[in-house]
Amino acid sequence: MNIFWPRLDHVRRLPTGLRGRPRRPVNGVSVKLDGEIDLRALFTADNSVRPGFRNITGTVTIDSPATEERLRRLKKIVDQHCPVLDILWNSVPVTLGLQHEPLREAISAE
């Protein structure tokens, strides 16, 4: 499954915009994502290159007897309420702290 689309049980609990209508089964969901990234920044070969993805494209394939128009409306609603898409489309402040202490789980696993 993919972070951009809800699990199948979430698809069954449709947002307000699609409630009250007969439900169509969703037999399966497949997501294909592609991204363009320059790995020179990751491997510190070129500090002038951005380390993140330049773009991300994807295709969602839904196996359902629902009409294409209904599935397009579902996609629009999911896109509007997806927290992962929201952080990709909008700037989100990130604060990371640092703790320096032994990780008990890692130590006990040895």
Protein backbone atom coordinates (compact mmCIF):
# COMPACT_ATOMS: atom_id res chain seq x y z
CA MET A 1 0.00 0.00 0.00
CA ASN A 2 1.06 3.57 -0.32
CA ILE A 3 1.27 6.55 1.94
CA PHE A 4 -0.68 8.68 -0.54
CA TRP A 5 -3.82 6.59 -0.46
CA PRO A 6 -5.71 5.26 2.53
CA ARG A 7 -5.92 1.63 3.47
CA LEU A 8 -8.91 -0.19 1.99
CA ASP A 9 -10.85 0.00 5.26
CA HIS A 10 -10.51 3.82 5.10
CA VAL A 11 -11.86 3.85 1.54
CA ARG A 12 -14.99 2.10 2.82
CA ARG A 13 -15.53 4.92 5.34
CA LEU A 14 -15.90 7.66 2.77
CA PRO A 15 -15.75 11.36 3.69
CA THR A 16 -18.95 13.39 3.95
CA GLY A 17 -18.96 14.28 0.25
CA LEU A 18 -19.68 10.70 -0.79
CA ARG A 19 -21.83 9.45 2.11
CA GLY A 20 -25.47 8.57 1.71
CA ARG A 21 -25.04 7.00 -1.70
CA PRO A 22 -24.90 3.28 -2.45
CA ARG A 23 -21.38 2.03 -1.83
CA ARG A 24 -19.37 0.38 -4.55
CA PRO A 25 -16.87 -2.22 -3.49
CA VAL A 26 -13.18 -1.53 -3.80
CA ASN A 27 -11.60 -4.83 -4.73
CA GLY A 28 -8.05 -3.55 -4.71
CA VAL A 29 -5.79 -0.51 -4.91
CA SER A 30 -2.39 -0.34 -6.56
CA VAL A 31 -0.07 2.65 -6.46
CA LYS A 32 3.00 3.26 -8.62
CA LEU A 33 5.30 6.14 -7.61
CA ASP A 34 8.33 7.54 -9.37
CA GLY A 35 10.62 10.25 -8.11
CA GLU A 36 13.56 12.18 -9.43
CA ILE A 37 16.45 12.61 -7.01
CA ASP A 38 20.09 13.58 -7.44
CA LEU A 39 22.11 11.24 -5.21
CA ARG A 40 25.21 13.43 -5.32
CA ALA A 41 23.89 15.37 -2.31
CA LEU A 42 23.13 12.19 -0.35
CA PHE A 43 26.68 10.97 -0.81
CA THR A 44 28.11 14.47 -0.18
CA ALA A 45 29.64 14.57 -3.67
CA ASP A 46 28.07 17.94 -4.48
CA ASN A 47 26.81 20.27 -1.74
CA SER A 48 25.17 22.58 -4.28
CA VAL A 49 22.59 19.89 -5.10
CA ARG A 50 19.38 19.64 -3.08
CA PRO A 51 19.23 16.30 -1.21
CA GLY A 52 15.47 15.83 -1.61
CA PHE A 53 13.27 14.71 -4.45
CA ARG A 54 12.90 17.15 -7.33
CA ASN A 55 9.50 15.74 -8.23
CA ILE A 56 7.25 12.80 -7.45
CA THR A 57 4.72 11.38 -9.89
CA GLY A 58 2.30 8.55 -9.33
CA THR A 59 -0.63 6.60 -10.63
CA VAL A 60 -3.37 5.08 -8.50
CA THR A 61 -5.17 2.10 -10.03
CA ILE A 62 -8.45 1.10 -8.40
CA ASP A 63 -10.24 -2.17 -9.11
CA SER A 64 -13.89 -1.27 -8.58
CA PRO A 65 -17.19 -1.40 -10.45
CA ALA A 66 -17.67 2.31 -9.57
CA THR A 67 -17.79 4.78 -12.45
CA GLU A 68 -14.68 6.73 -13.42
CA GLU A 69 -16.43 9.96 -12.42
CA ARG A 70 -17.12 8.59 -8.93
CA LEU A 71 -13.51 7.45 -8.57
CA ARG A 72 -12.27 10.89 -9.66
CA ARG A 73 -14.43 12.46 -6.94
CA LEU A 74 -13.03 9.97 -4.41
CA LYS A 75 -9.48 10.89 -5.47
CA LYS A 76 -10.25 14.60 -5.09
CA ILE A 77 -11.59 14.08 -1.57
CA VAL A 78 -8.70 11.83 -0.55
CA ASP A 79 -6.20 14.35 -1.95
CA GLN A 80 -7.84 17.15 0.06
CA HIS A 81 -7.66 15.21 3.35
CA CYS A 82 -4.36 13.33 3.01
CA PRO A 83 -1.84 14.52 5.64
CA VAL A 84 1.14 13.25 3.63
CA LEU A 85 0.12 15.14 0.50
CA ASP A 86 -0.45 18.20 2.66
CA ILE A 87 3.13 18.20 3.97
CA LEU A 88 4.47 17.64 0.43
CA TRP A 89 2.41 20.47 -1.08
CA ASN A 90 2.90 22.94 1.78
CA SER A 91 5.91 24.06 3.71
CA VAL A 92 5.91 22.42 7.14
CA PRO A 93 8.32 23.53 9.87
CA VAL A 94 10.46 20.68 11.13
CA THR A 95 12.39 20.69 14.40
CA LEU A 96 14.70 17.82 15.22
CA GLY A 97 16.39 17.37 18.55
CA LEU A 98 19.35 15.23 19.50
CA GLN A 99 19.65 12.83 22.40
CA HIS A 100 22.91 11.16 23.23
CA GLU A 101 22.29 8.02 25.25
CA PRO A 102 22.59 4.26 24.78
CA LEU A 103 19.67 2.59 23.07
CA ARG A 104 18.70 -0.15 25.48
CA GLU A 105 16.98 -2.24 22.81
CA ALA A 106 20.09 -2.25 20.59
CA ILE A 107 22.36 -3.12 23.52
CA SER A 108 20.17 -5.95 24.82
CA ALA A 109 19.84 -7.47 21.33
CA GLU A 110 23.61 -8.13 21.08
